[in-house]
Amino acid sequence: MNSDYANGLDVLEDAVKNTLYPNLVLQLKKDFVLANIDFEISDGIVPNKLFQKLKEKVYYLIMEKFGEYLNLLYVVDVPERLFKQIQVTDVVEVADQVSGLILKREFQKVFLKKKYG
């Protein structure tokens, strides 16, 4: 597992390469359910579509349901130090960067479960 990804798509490519992509999708679904946020994605969704849907959902949460957005970050357990490093330019860019952080953390969970579980 690489720890220095340029964006969320790099995380997804690494997950596919390590045959952990289906597990990552399941973990993402699980954490959205735990955060009590509706996020419908199919098990067979391709990485590009997954990243796009996640960005759209994060954007919506930031703009319309900020409390749920913060709850999602708590449930996913995005490290605060990484969250503070986000360059605030506009909401679309923030949603893109936050989506990358979410995917990175979810992949880390899945990778560690496989390695030590």
PDB file of N, CA and C in Angstrom:
ATOM      1  N   MET A   1       0.835  -1.178   0.000  1.00  0.00           N
ATOM      2  CA  MET A   1       0.000   0.000   0.000  1.00  0.00           C
ATOM      3  C   MET A   1       0.878   1.237   0.000  1.00  0.00           C
ATOM      4  N   ASN A   2       0.642   2.085  -0.963  1.00  0.00           N
ATOM      5  CA  ASN A   2       1.350   3.354  -1.073  1.00  0.00           C
ATOM      6  C   ASN A   2       0.694   4.351  -0.124  1.00  0.00           C
ATOM      7  N   SER A   3       1.471   5.200   0.520  1.00  0.00           N
ATOM      8  CA  SER A   3       0.877   6.171   1.444  1.00  0.00           C
ATOM      9  C   SER A   3       0.827   7.573   0.857  1.00  0.00           C
ATOM     10  N   ASP A   4       1.380   7.761  -0.331  1.00  0.00           N
ATOM     11  CA  ASP A   4       1.428   9.094  -0.925  1.00  0.00           C
ATOM     12  C   ASP A   4       0.713   9.082  -2.280  1.00  0.00           C
ATOM     13  N   TYR A   5      -0.599   9.286  -2.230  1.00  0.00           N
ATOM     14  CA  TYR A   5      -1.400   9.284  -3.446  1.00  0.00           C
ATOM     15  C   TYR A   5      -1.642  10.719  -3.899  1.00  0.00           C
ATOM     16  N   ALA A   6      -1.658  10.931  -5.204  1.00  0.00           N
ATOM     17  CA  ALA A   6      -1.914  12.265  -5.735  1.00  0.00           C
ATOM     18  C   ALA A   6      -3.391  12.634  -5.616  1.00  0.00           C
ATOM     19  N   ASN A   7      -4.270  11.635  -5.783  1.00  0.00           N
ATOM     20  CA  ASN A   7      -5.713  11.903  -5.687  1.00  0.00           C
ATOM     21  C   ASN A   7      -6.459  10.592  -5.412  1.00  0.00           C
ATOM     22  N   GLY A   8      -7.781  10.695  -5.339  1.00  0.00           N
ATOM     23  CA  GLY A   8      -8.608   9.535  -5.044  1.00  0.00           C
ATOM     24  C   GLY A   8      -8.539   8.450  -6.096  1.00  0.00           C
ATOM     25  N   LEU A   9      -8.348   8.839  -7.345  1.00  0.00           N
ATOM     26  CA  LEU A   9      -8.265   7.832  -8.405  1.00  0.00           C
ATOM     27  C   LEU A   9      -7.018   6.965  -8.249  1.00  0.00           C
ATOM     28  N   ASP A  10      -5.934   7.562  -7.751  1.00  0.00           N
ATOM     29  CA  ASP A  10      -4.718   6.777  -7.494  1.00  0.00           C
ATOM     30  C   ASP A  10      -4.971   5.726  -6.416  1.00  0.00           C
ATOM     31  N   VAL A  11      -5.746   6.084  -5.410  1.00  0.00           N
ATOM     32  CA  VAL A  11      -6.097   5.147  -4.345  1.00  0.00           C
ATOM     33  C   VAL A  11      -6.881   3.983  -4.938  1.00  0.00           C
ATOM     34  N   LEU A  12      -7.858   4.315  -5.778  1.00  0.00           N
ATOM     35  CA  LEU A  12      -8.692   3.274  -6.386  1.00  0.00           C
ATOM     36  C   LEU A  12      -7.873   2.365  -7.297  1.00  0.00           C
ATOM     37  N   GLU A  13      -6.925   2.929  -8.042  1.00  0.00           N
ATOM     38  CA  GLU A  13      -6.057   2.119  -8.900  1.00  0.00           C
ATOM     39  C   GLU A  13      -5.223   1.150  -8.070  1.00  0.00           C
ATOM     40  N   ASP A  14      -4.719   1.633  -6.939  1.00  0.00           N
ATOM     41  CA  ASP A  14      -3.938   0.766  -6.054  1.00  0.00           C
ATOM     42  C   ASP A  14      -4.817  -0.335  -5.461  1.00  0.00           C
ATOM     43  N   ALA A  15      -6.055   0.004  -5.129  1.00  0.00           N
ATOM     44  CA  ALA A  15      -6.987  -0.998  -4.595  1.00  0.00           C
ATOM     45  C   ALA A  15      -7.262  -2.077  -5.639  1.00  0.00           C
ATOM     46  N   VAL A  16      -7.451  -1.663  -6.886  1.00  0.00           N
ATOM     47  CA  VAL A  16      -7.677  -2.638  -7.968  1.00  0.00           C
ATOM     48  C   VAL A  16      -6.439  -3.518  -8.137  1.00  0.00           C
ATOM     49  N   LYS A  17      -5.275  -2.886  -8.131  1.00  0.00           N
ATOM     50  CA  LYS A  17      -4.021  -3.621  -8.307  1.00  0.00           C
ATOM     51  C   LYS A  17      -3.817  -4.653  -7.201  1.00  0.00           C
ATOM     52  N   ASN A  18      -4.221  -4.330  -5.995  1.00  0.00           N
ATOM     53  CA  ASN A  18      -4.070  -5.234  -4.855  1.00  0.00           C
ATOM     54  C   ASN A  18      -5.285  -6.141  -4.652  1.00  0.00           C
ATOM     55  N   THR A  19      -6.179  -6.166  -5.610  1.00  0.00           N
ATOM     56  CA  THR A  19      -7.424  -6.949  -5.589  1.00  0.00           C
ATOM     57  C   THR A  19      -8.269  -6.679  -4.333  1.00  0.00           C
ATOM     58  N   LEU A  20      -8.241  -5.441  -3.882  1.00  0.00           N
ATOM     59  CA  LEU A  20      -9.009  -5.047  -2.702  1.00  0.00           C
ATOM     60  C   LEU A  20     -10.134  -4.073  -3.034  1.00  0.00           C
ATOM     61  N   TYR A  21     -10.350  -3.821  -4.309  1.00  0.00           N
ATOM     62  CA  TYR A  21     -11.367  -2.847  -4.702  1.00  0.00           C
ATOM     63  C   TYR A  21     -12.772  -3.242  -4.223  1.00  0.00           C
ATOM     64  N   PRO A  22     -13.212  -4.501  -4.396  1.00  0.00           N
ATOM     65  CA  PRO A  22     -14.548  -4.854  -3.893  1.00  0.00           C
ATOM     66  C   PRO A  22     -14.671  -4.652  -2.380  1.00  0.00           C
ATOM     67  N   ASN A  23     -13.607  -4.954  -1.652  1.00  0.00           N
ATOM     68  CA  ASN A  23     -13.620  -4.754  -0.201  1.00  0.00           C
ATOM     69  C   ASN A  23     -13.702  -3.270   0.140  1.00  0.00           C
ATOM     70  N   LEU A  24     -13.034  -2.442  -0.636  1.00  0.00           N
ATOM     71  CA  LEU A  24     -13.079  -1.000  -0.409  1.00  0.00           C
ATOM     72  C   LEU A  24     -14.489  -0.471  -0.638  1.00  0.00           C
ATOM     73  N   VAL A  25     -15.151  -0.941  -1.677  1.00  0.00           N
ATOM     74  CA  VAL A  25     -16.528  -0.515  -1.953  1.00  0.00           C
ATOM     75  C   VAL A  25     -17.435  -0.922  -0.793  1.00  0.00           C
ATOM     76  N   LEU A  26     -17.277  -2.138  -0.296  1.00  0.00           N
ATOM     77  CA  LEU A  26     -18.088  -2.596   0.836  1.00  0.00           C
ATOM     78  C   LEU A  26     -17.814  -1.783   2.098  1.00  0.00           C
ATOM     79  N   GLN A  27     -16.557  -1.457   2.340  1.00  0.00           N
ATOM     80  CA  GLN A  27     -16.199  -0.655   3.516  1.00  0.00           C
ATOM     81  C   GLN A  27     -16.784   0.746   3.414  1.00  0.00           C
ATOM     82  N   LEU A  28     -16.755   1.313   2.222  1.00  0.00           N
ATOM     83  CA  LEU A  28     -17.322   2.637   1.994  1.00  0.00           C
ATOM     84  C   LEU A  28     -18.827   2.624   2.257  1.00  0.00           C
ATOM     85  N   LYS A  29     -19.495   1.607   1.730  1.00  0.00           N
ATOM     86  CA  LYS A  29     -20.936   1.466   1.983  1.00  0.00           C
ATOM     87  C   LYS A  29     -21.222   1.342   3.476  1.00  0.00           C
ATOM     88  N   LYS A  30     -20.444   0.518   4.147  1.00  0.00           N
ATOM     89  CA  LYS A  30     -20.630   0.275   5.574  1.00  0.00           C
ATOM     90  C   LYS A  30     -20.494   1.578   6.369  1.00  0.00           C
ATOM     91  N   ASP A  31     -19.483   2.372   6.065  1.00  0.00           N
ATOM     92  CA  ASP A  31     -19.266   3.595   6.823  1.00  0.00           C
ATOM     93  C   ASP A  31     -20.331   4.647   6.533  1.00  0.00           C
ATOM     94  N   PHE A  32     -20.848   4.676   5.312  1.00  0.00           N
ATOM     95  CA  PHE A  32     -21.953   5.588   5.020  1.00  0.00           C
ATOM     96  C   PHE A  32     -23.205   5.177   5.798  1.00  0.00           C
ATOM     97  N   VAL A  33     -23.433   3.864   5.926  1.00  0.00           N
ATOM     98  CA  VAL A  33     -24.568   3.389   6.711  1.00  0.00           C
ATOM     99  C   VAL A  33     -24.368   3.764   8.183  1.00  0.00           C
ATOM    100  N   LEU A  34     -23.167   3.570   8.698  1.00  0.00           N
ATOM    101  CA  LEU A  34     -22.882   3.923  10.089  1.00  0.00           C
ATOM    102  C   LEU A  34     -23.057   5.421  10.343  1.00  0.00           C
ATOM    103  N   ALA A  35     -22.774   6.240   9.327  1.00  0.00           N
ATOM    104  CA  ALA A  35     -22.948   7.689   9.446  1.00  0.00           C
ATOM    105  C   ALA A  35     -24.398   8.096   9.183  1.00  0.00           C
ATOM    106  N   ASN A  36     -25.232   7.107   8.856  1.00  0.00           N
ATOM    107  CA  ASN A  36     -26.653   7.342   8.562  1.00  0.00           C
ATOM    108  C   ASN A  36     -26.845   8.298   7.375  1.00  0.00           C
ATOM    109  N   ILE A  37     -26.054   8.052   6.334  1.00  0.00           N
ATOM    110  CA  ILE A  37     -26.129   8.854   5.114  1.00  0.00           C
ATOM    111  C   ILE A  37     -26.440   7.922   3.952  1.00  0.00           C
ATOM    112  N   ASP A  38     -27.466   8.273   3.187  1.00  0.00           N
ATOM    113  CA  ASP A  38     -27.858   7.482   2.028  1.00  0.00           C
ATOM    114  C   ASP A  38     -26.828   7.663   0.913  1.00  0.00           C
ATOM    115  N   PHE A  39     -26.217   6.555   0.481  1.00  0.00           N
ATOM    116  CA  PHE A  39     -25.229   6.585  -0.595  1.00  0.00           C
ATOM    117  C   PHE A  39     -25.355   5.288  -1.372  1.00  0.00           C
ATOM    118  N   GLU A  40     -26.117   5.329  -2.445  1.00  0.00           N
ATOM    119  CA  GLU A  40     -26.403   4.141  -3.242  1.00  0.00           C
ATOM    120  C   GLU A  40     -25.333   3.930  -4.308  1.00  0.00           C
ATOM    121  N   ILE A  41     -24.580   2.853  -4.171  1.00  0.00           N
ATOM    122  CA  ILE A  41     -23.622   2.443  -5.195  1.00  0.00           C
ATOM    123  C   ILE A  41     -23.721   0.926  -5.339  1.00  0.00           C
ATOM    124  N   SER A  42     -23.549   0.458  -6.558  1.00  0.00           N
ATOM    125  CA  SER A  42     -23.614  -0.986  -6.796  1.00  0.00           C
ATOM    126  C   SER A  42     -22.255  -1.609  -6.504  1.00  0.00           C
ATOM    127  N   ASP A  43     -22.259  -2.885  -6.236  1.00  0.00           N
ATOM    128  CA  ASP A  43     -21.005  -3.593  -5.961  1.00  0.00           C
ATOM    129  C   ASP A  43     -20.082  -3.609  -7.171  1.00  0.00           C
ATOM    130  N   GLY A  44     -20.636  -3.553  -8.367  1.00  0.00           N
ATOM    131  CA  GLY A  44     -19.832  -3.630  -9.579  1.00  0.00           C
ATOM    132  C   GLY A  44     -19.464  -2.278 -10.174  1.00  0.00           C
ATOM    133  N   ILE A  45     -19.581  -1.219  -9.409  1.00  0.00           N
ATOM    134  CA  ILE A  45     -19.294   0.115  -9.927  1.00  0.00           C
ATOM    135  C   ILE A  45     -17.812   0.233 -10.294  1.00  0.00           C
ATOM    136  N   VAL A  46     -17.541   0.872 -11.407  1.00  0.00           N
ATOM    137  CA  VAL A  46     -16.156   1.045 -11.850  1.00  0.00           C
ATOM    138  C   VAL A  46     -15.510   2.181 -11.055  1.00  0.00           C
ATOM    139  N   PRO A  47     -14.190   2.150 -10.898  1.00  0.00           N
ATOM    140  CA  PRO A  47     -13.511   3.146 -10.063  1.00  0.00           C
ATOM    141  C   PRO A  47     -13.794   4.606 -10.428  1.00  0.00           C
ATOM    142  N   ASN A  48     -13.802   4.930 -11.726  1.00  0.00           N
ATOM    143  CA  ASN A  48     -14.048   6.328 -12.122  1.00  0.00           C
ATOM    144  C   ASN A  48     -15.428   6.797 -11.677  1.00  0.00           C
ATOM    145  N   LYS A  49     -16.418   5.950 -11.857  1.00  0.00           N
ATOM    146  CA  LYS A  49     -17.793   6.293 -11.460  1.00  0.00           C
ATOM    147  C   LYS A  49     -17.900   6.407  -9.938  1.00  0.00           C
ATOM    148  N   LEU A  50     -17.233   5.514  -9.225  1.00  0.00           N
ATOM    149  CA  LEU A  50     -17.257   5.566  -7.764  1.00  0.00           C
ATOM    150  C   LEU A  50     -16.686   6.889  -7.272  1.00  0.00           C
ATOM    151  N   PHE A  51     -15.549   7.276  -7.819  1.00  0.00           N
ATOM    152  CA  PHE A  51     -14.921   8.523  -7.388  1.00  0.00           C
ATOM    153  C   PHE A  51     -15.815   9.717  -7.708  1.00  0.00           C
ATOM    154  N   GLN A  52     -16.432   9.700  -8.872  1.00  0.00           N
ATOM    155  CA  GLN A  52     -17.323  10.798  -9.262  1.00  0.00           C
ATOM    156  C   GLN A  52     -18.533  10.880  -8.327  1.00  0.00           C
ATOM    157  N   LYS A  53     -19.141   9.740  -8.042  1.00  0.00           N
ATOM    158  CA  LYS A  53     -20.308   9.732  -7.145  1.00  0.00           C
ATOM    159  C   LYS A  53     -19.930  10.174  -5.741  1.00  0.00           C
ATOM    160  N   LEU A  54     -18.762   9.747  -5.275  1.00  0.00           N
ATOM    161  CA  LEU A  54     -18.316  10.141  -3.946  1.00  0.00           C
ATOM    162  C   LEU A  54     -18.083  11.649  -3.883  1.00  0.00           C
ATOM    163  N   LYS A  55     -17.442  12.204  -4.904  1.00  0.00           N
ATOM    164  CA  LYS A  55     -17.216  13.656  -4.939  1.00  0.00           C
ATOM    165  C   LYS A  55     -18.535  14.420  -4.920  1.00  0.00           C
ATOM    166  N   GLU A  56     -19.498  13.948  -5.708  1.00  0.00           N
ATOM    167  CA  GLU A  56     -20.803  14.598  -5.747  1.00  0.00           C
ATOM    168  C   GLU A  56     -21.491  14.540  -4.385  1.00  0.00           C
ATOM    169  N   LYS A  57     -21.385  13.395  -3.721  1.00  0.00           N
ATOM    170  CA  LYS A  57     -22.012  13.248  -2.410  1.00  0.00           C
ATOM    171  C   LYS A  57     -21.339  14.141  -1.374  1.00  0.00           C
ATOM    172  N   VAL A  58     -20.024  14.184  -1.386  1.00  0.00           N
ATOM    173  CA  VAL A  58     -19.295  15.028  -0.444  1.00  0.00           C
ATOM    174  C   VAL A  58     -19.630  16.499  -0.696  1.00  0.00           C
ATOM    175  N   TYR A  59     -19.684  16.891  -1.951  1.00  0.00           N
ATOM    176  CA  TYR A  59     -20.060  18.268  -2.295  1.00  0.00           C
ATOM    177  C   TYR A  59     -21.441  18.599  -1.743  1.00  0.00           C
ATOM    178  N   TYR A  60     -22.394  17.702  -1.963  1.00  0.00           N
ATOM    179  CA  TYR A  60     -23.758  17.907  -1.463  1.00  0.00           C
ATOM    180  C   TYR A  60     -23.773  18.034   0.061  1.00  0.00           C
ATOM    181  N   LEU A  61     -23.031  17.166   0.736  1.00  0.00           N
ATOM    182  CA  LEU A  61     -23.007  17.207   2.197  1.00  0.00           C
ATOM    183  C   LEU A  61     -22.394  18.509   2.708  1.00  0.00           C
ATOM    184  N   ILE A  62     -21.343  18.963   2.079  1.00  0.00           N
ATOM    185  CA  ILE A  62     -20.719  20.228   2.490  1.00  0.00           C
ATOM    186  C   ILE A  62     -21.700  21.382   2.325  1.00  0.00           C
ATOM    187  N   MET A  63     -22.384  21.404   1.204  1.00  0.00           N
ATOM    188  CA  MET A  63     -23.258  22.529   0.886  1.00  0.00           C
ATOM    189  C   MET A  63     -24.603  22.476   1.611  1.00  0.00           C
ATOM    190  N   GLU A  64     -25.164  21.292   1.788  1.00  0.00           N
ATOM    191  CA  GLU A  64     -26.532  21.182   2.282  1.00  0.00           C
ATOM    192  C   GLU A  64     -26.665  20.584   3.682  1.00  0.00           C
ATOM    193  N   LYS A  65     -25.749  19.690   4.057  1.00  0.00           N
ATOM    194  CA  LYS A  65     -25.893  18.963   5.328  1.00  0.00           C
ATOM    195  C   LYS A  65     -24.531  18.858   6.011  1.00  0.00           C
ATOM    196  N   PHE A  66     -24.045  19.996   6.467  1.00  0.00           N
ATOM    197  CA  PHE A  66     -22.688  20.058   7.001  1.00  0.00           C
ATOM    198  C   PHE A  66     -22.508  19.161   8.229  1.00  0.00           C
ATOM    199  N   GLY A  67     -23.504  19.062   9.073  1.00  0.00           N
ATOM    200  CA  GLY A  67     -23.415  18.195  10.249  1.00  0.00           C
ATOM    201  C   GLY A  67     -23.213  16.743   9.868  1.00  0.00           C
ATOM    202  N   GLU A  68     -23.929  16.291   8.848  1.00  0.00           N
ATOM    203  CA  GLU A  68     -23.773  14.914   8.369  1.00  0.00           C
ATOM    204  C   GLU A  68     -22.394  14.709   7.737  1.00  0.00           C
ATOM    205  N   TYR A  69     -21.901  15.741   7.077  1.00  0.00           N
ATOM    206  CA  TYR A  69     -20.553  15.711   6.489  1.00  0.00           C
ATOM    207  C   TYR A  69     -19.515  15.489   7.593  1.00  0.00           C
ATOM    208  N   LEU A  70     -19.616  16.260   8.669  1.00  0.00           N
ATOM    209  CA  LEU A  70     -18.675  16.106   9.782  1.00  0.00           C
ATOM    210  C   LEU A  70     -18.806  14.729  10.422  1.00  0.00           C
ATOM    211  N   ASN A  71     -20.026  14.233  10.539  1.00  0.00           N
ATOM    212  CA  ASN A  71     -20.247  12.900  11.089  1.00  0.00           C
ATOM    213  C   ASN A  71     -19.598  11.828  10.208  1.00  0.00           C
ATOM    214  N   LEU A  72     -19.708  11.984   8.901  1.00  0.00           N
ATOM    215  CA  LEU A  72     -19.074  11.034   7.981  1.00  0.00           C
ATOM    216  C   LEU A  72     -17.561  11.013   8.184  1.00  0.00           C
ATOM    217  N   LEU A  73     -16.960  12.187   8.281  1.00  0.00           N
ATOM    218  CA  LEU A  73     -15.510  12.249   8.489  1.00  0.00           C
ATOM    219  C   LEU A  73     -15.122  11.574   9.803  1.00  0.00           C
ATOM    220  N   TYR A  74     -15.966  11.715  10.823  1.00  0.00           N
ATOM    221  CA  TYR A  74     -15.717  11.063  12.104  1.00  0.00           C
ATOM    222  C   TYR A  74     -15.822   9.544  11.972  1.00  0.00           C
ATOM    223  N   VAL A  75     -16.865   9.068  11.317  1.00  0.00           N
ATOM    224  CA  VAL A  75     -17.075   7.624  11.159  1.00  0.00           C
ATOM    225  C   VAL A  75     -15.950   6.998  10.328  1.00  0.00           C
ATOM    226  N   VAL A  76     -15.582   7.663   9.241  1.00  0.00           N
ATOM    227  CA  VAL A  76     -14.516   7.146   8.383  1.00  0.00           C
ATOM    228  C   VAL A  76     -13.176   7.223   9.109  1.00  0.00           C
ATOM    229  N   ASP A  77     -13.056   8.167  10.035  1.00  0.00           N
ATOM    230  CA  ASP A  77     -11.843   8.381  10.819  1.00  0.00           C
ATOM    231  C   ASP A  77     -10.731   8.995   9.971  1.00  0.00           C
ATOM    232  N   VAL A  78     -11.091  10.070   9.262  1.00  0.00           N
ATOM    233  CA  VAL A  78     -10.098  10.819   8.496  1.00  0.00           C
ATOM    234  C   VAL A  78      -9.224  11.571   9.504  1.00  0.00           C
ATOM    235  N   PRO A  79      -7.901  11.397   9.447  1.00  0.00           N
ATOM    236  CA  PRO A  79      -7.023  12.085  10.400  1.00  0.00           C
ATOM    237  C   PRO A  79      -7.152  13.615  10.284  1.00  0.00           C
ATOM    238  N   GLU A  80      -7.293  14.251  11.426  1.00  0.00           N
ATOM    239  CA  GLU A  80      -7.494  15.698  11.445  1.00  0.00           C
ATOM    240  C   GLU A  80      -6.315  16.444  10.827  1.00  0.00           C
ATOM    241  N   ARG A  81      -5.105  15.947  11.031  1.00  0.00           N
ATOM    242  CA  ARG A  81      -3.927  16.621  10.473  1.00  0.00           C
ATOM    243  C   ARG A  81      -3.970  16.656   8.947  1.00  0.00           C
ATOM    244  N   LEU A  82      -4.481  15.592   8.326  1.00  0.00           N
ATOM    245  CA  LEU A  82      -4.605  15.578   6.867  1.00  0.00           C
ATOM    246  C   LEU A  82      -5.715  16.509   6.408  1.00  0.00           C
ATOM    247  N   PHE A  83      -6.793  16.515   7.175  1.00  0.00           N
ATOM    248  CA  PHE A  83      -7.925  17.377   6.836  1.00  0.00           C
ATOM    249  C   PHE A  83      -7.520  18.844   6.889  1.00  0.00           C
ATOM    250  N   LYS A  84      -6.666  19.193   7.839  1.00  0.00           N
ATOM    251  CA  LYS A  84      -6.218  20.580   7.983  1.00  0.00           C
ATOM    252  C   LYS A  84      -5.280  21.012   6.853  1.00  0.00           C
ATOM    253  N   GLN A  85      -4.691  20.070   6.140  1.00  0.00           N
ATOM    254  CA  GLN A  85      -3.769  20.382   5.058  1.00  0.00           C
ATOM    255  C   GLN A  85      -4.471  20.710   3.745  1.00  0.00           C
ATOM    256  N   ILE A  86      -5.783  20.554   3.708  1.00  0.00           N
ATOM    257  CA  ILE A  86      -6.526  20.819   2.480  1.00  0.00           C
ATOM    258  C   ILE A  86      -6.428  22.292   2.127  1.00  0.00           C
ATOM    259  N   GLN A  87      -6.104  22.539   0.868  1.00  0.00           N
ATOM    260  CA  GLN A  87      -6.043  23.903   0.368  1.00  0.00           C
ATOM    261  C   GLN A  87      -7.447  24.344  -0.017  1.00  0.00           C
ATOM    262  N   VAL A  88      -7.972  25.318   0.703  1.00  0.00           N
ATOM    263  CA  VAL A  88      -9.327  25.789   0.448  1.00  0.00           C
ATOM    264  C   VAL A  88      -9.301  26.778  -0.718  1.00  0.00           C
ATOM    265  N   THR A  89      -9.851  26.348  -1.824  1.00  0.00           N
ATOM    266  CA  THR A  89      -9.963  27.221  -2.996  1.00  0.00           C
ATOM    267  C   THR A  89     -11.440  27.439  -3.295  1.00  0.00           C
ATOM    268  N   ASP A  90     -12.125  26.382  -3.651  1.00  0.00           N
ATOM    269  CA  ASP A  90     -13.582  26.432  -3.822  1.00  0.00           C
ATOM    270  C   ASP A  90     -14.157  25.099  -3.359  1.00  0.00           C
ATOM    271  N   VAL A  91     -15.447  25.046  -3.232  1.00  0.00           N
ATOM    272  CA  VAL A  91     -16.098  23.863  -2.655  1.00  0.00           C
ATOM    273  C   VAL A  91     -15.882  22.624  -3.516  1.00  0.00           C
ATOM    274  N   VAL A  92     -15.844  22.783  -4.822  1.00  0.00           N
ATOM    275  CA  VAL A  92     -15.641  21.635  -5.708  1.00  0.00           C
ATOM    276  C   VAL A  92     -14.260  21.025  -5.470  1.00  0.00           C
ATOM    277  N   GLU A  93     -13.253  21.857  -5.341  1.00  0.00           N
ATOM    278  CA  GLU A  93     -11.891  21.371  -5.095  1.00  0.00           C
ATOM    279  C   GLU A  93     -11.782  20.736  -3.712  1.00  0.00           C
ATOM    280  N   VAL A  94     -12.434  21.332  -2.719  1.00  0.00           N
ATOM    281  CA  VAL A  94     -12.423  20.758  -1.367  1.00  0.00           C
ATOM    282  C   VAL A  94     -13.096  19.379  -1.388  1.00  0.00           C
ATOM    283  N   ALA A  95     -14.225  19.263  -2.086  1.00  0.00           N
ATOM    284  CA  ALA A  95     -14.923  17.979  -2.191  1.00  0.00           C
ATOM    285  C   ALA A  95     -14.024  16.929  -2.844  1.00  0.00           C
ATOM    286  N   ASP A  96     -13.265  17.341  -3.847  1.00  0.00           N
ATOM    287  CA  ASP A  96     -12.339  16.433  -4.519  1.00  0.00           C
ATOM    288  C   ASP A  96     -11.258  15.951  -3.549  1.00  0.00           C
ATOM    289  N   GLN A  97     -10.665  16.880  -2.812  1.00  0.00           N
ATOM    290  CA  GLN A  97      -9.598  16.523  -1.880  1.00  0.00           C
ATOM    291  C   GLN A  97     -10.117  15.680  -0.716  1.00  0.00           C
ATOM    292  N   VAL A  98     -11.288  16.024  -0.184  1.00  0.00           N
ATOM    293  CA  VAL A  98     -11.867  15.262   0.914  1.00  0.00           C
ATOM    294  C   VAL A  98     -12.232  13.853   0.449  1.00  0.00           C
ATOM    295  N   SER A  99     -12.746  13.728  -0.764  1.00  0.00           N
ATOM    296  CA  SER A  99     -13.055  12.404  -1.314  1.00  0.00           C
ATOM    297  C   SER A  99     -11.801  11.548  -1.381  1.00  0.00           C
ATOM    298  N   GLY A 100     -10.699  12.150  -1.771  1.00  0.00           N
ATOM    299  CA  GLY A 100      -9.427  11.432  -1.793  1.00  0.00           C
ATOM    300  C   GLY A 100      -9.011  10.967  -0.411  1.00  0.00           C
ATOM    301  N   LEU A 101      -9.197  11.830   0.588  1.00  0.00           N
ATOM    302  CA  LEU A 101      -8.860  11.454   1.965  1.00  0.00           C
ATOM    303  C   LEU A 101      -9.744  10.318   2.468  1.00  0.00           C
ATOM    304  N   ILE A 102     -11.018  10.380   2.131  1.00  0.00           N
ATOM    305  CA  ILE A 102     -11.945   9.318   2.540  1.00  0.00           C
ATOM    306  C   ILE A 102     -11.524   7.987   1.915  1.00  0.00           C
ATOM    307  N   LEU A 103     -11.246   8.002   0.612  1.00  0.00           N
ATOM    308  CA  LEU A 103     -10.842   6.771  -0.066  1.00  0.00           C
ATOM    309  C   LEU A 103      -9.521   6.245   0.483  1.00  0.00           C
ATOM    310  N   LYS A 104      -8.606   7.148   0.775  1.00  0.00           N
ATOM    311  CA  LYS A 104      -7.318   6.729   1.317  1.00  0.00           C
ATOM    312  C   LYS A 104      -7.499   6.028   2.661  1.00  0.00           C
ATOM    313  N   ARG A 105      -8.333   6.589   3.520  1.00  0.00           N
ATOM    314  CA  ARG A 105      -8.573   5.990   4.838  1.00  0.00           C
ATOM    315  C   ARG A 105      -9.318   4.662   4.713  1.00  0.00           C
ATOM    316  N   GLU A 106     -10.302   4.612   3.822  1.00  0.00           N
ATOM    317  CA  GLU A 106     -11.045   3.365   3.627  1.00  0.00           C
ATOM    318  C   GLU A 106     -10.132   2.268   3.082  1.00  0.00           C
ATOM    319  N   PHE A 107      -9.259   2.621   2.157  1.00  0.00           N
ATOM    320  CA  PHE A 107      -8.323   1.644   1.616  1.00  0.00           C
ATOM    321  C   PHE A 107      -7.355   1.173   2.697  1.00  0.00           C
ATOM    322  N   GLN A 108      -6.939   2.089   3.548  1.00  0.00           N
ATOM    323  CA  GLN A 108      -6.050   1.715   4.640  1.00  0.00           C
ATOM    324  C   GLN A 108      -6.728   0.699   5.559  1.00  0.00           C
ATOM    325  N   LYS A 109      -7.996   0.916   5.874  1.00  0.00           N
ATOM    326  CA  LYS A 109      -8.743  -0.025   6.710  1.00  0.00           C
ATOM    327  C   LYS A 109      -8.783  -1.406   6.062  1.00  0.00           C
ATOM    328  N   VAL A 110      -9.129  -1.449   4.781  1.00  0.00           N
ATOM    329  CA  VAL A 110      -9.257  -2.715   4.057  1.00  0.00           C
ATOM    330  C   VAL A 110      -7.902  -3.412   3.949  1.00  0.00           C
ATOM    331  N   PHE A 111      -6.871  -2.643   3.637  1.00  0.00           N
ATOM    332  CA  PHE A 111      -5.525  -3.208   3.490  1.00  0.00           C
ATOM    333  C   PHE A 111      -5.047  -3.830   4.799  1.00  0.00           C
ATOM    334  N   LEU A 112      -5.252  -3.111   5.907  1.00  0.00           N
ATOM    335  CA  LEU A 112      -4.810  -3.620   7.204  1.00  0.00           C
ATOM    336  C   LEU A 112      -5.614  -4.830   7.651  1.00  0.00           C
ATOM    337  N   LYS A 113      -6.901  -4.853   7.331  1.00  0.00           N
ATOM    338  CA  LYS A 113      -7.725  -6.028   7.661  1.00  0.00           C
ATOM    339  C   LYS A 113      -7.210  -7.263   6.928  1.00  0.00           C
ATOM    340  N   LYS A 114      -6.831  -7.070   5.662  1.00  0.00           N
ATOM    341  CA  LYS A 114      -6.322  -8.210   4.889  1.00  0.00           C
ATOM    342  C   LYS A 114      -4.963  -8.655   5.420  1.00  0.00           C
ATOM    343  N   LYS A 115      -4.136  -7.691   5.727  1.00  0.00           N
ATOM    344  CA  LYS A 115      -2.773  -8.019   6.162  1.00  0.00           C
ATOM    345  C   LYS A 115      -2.746  -8.666   7.546  1.00  0.00           C
ATOM    346  N   TYR A 116      -3.555  -8.165   8.463  1.00  0.00           N
ATOM    347  CA  TYR A 116      -3.484  -8.639   9.849  1.00  0.00           C
ATOM    348  C   TYR A 116      -4.707  -9.420  10.313  1.00  0.00           C
ATOM    349  N   GLY A 117      -5.729  -9.498   9.450  1.00  0.00           N
ATOM    350  CA  GLY A 117      -6.973 -10.110   9.892  1.00  0.00           C
ATOM    351  C   GLY A 117      -7.128 -11.509   9.605  1.00  0.00           C
TER     352      GLY A 117
END
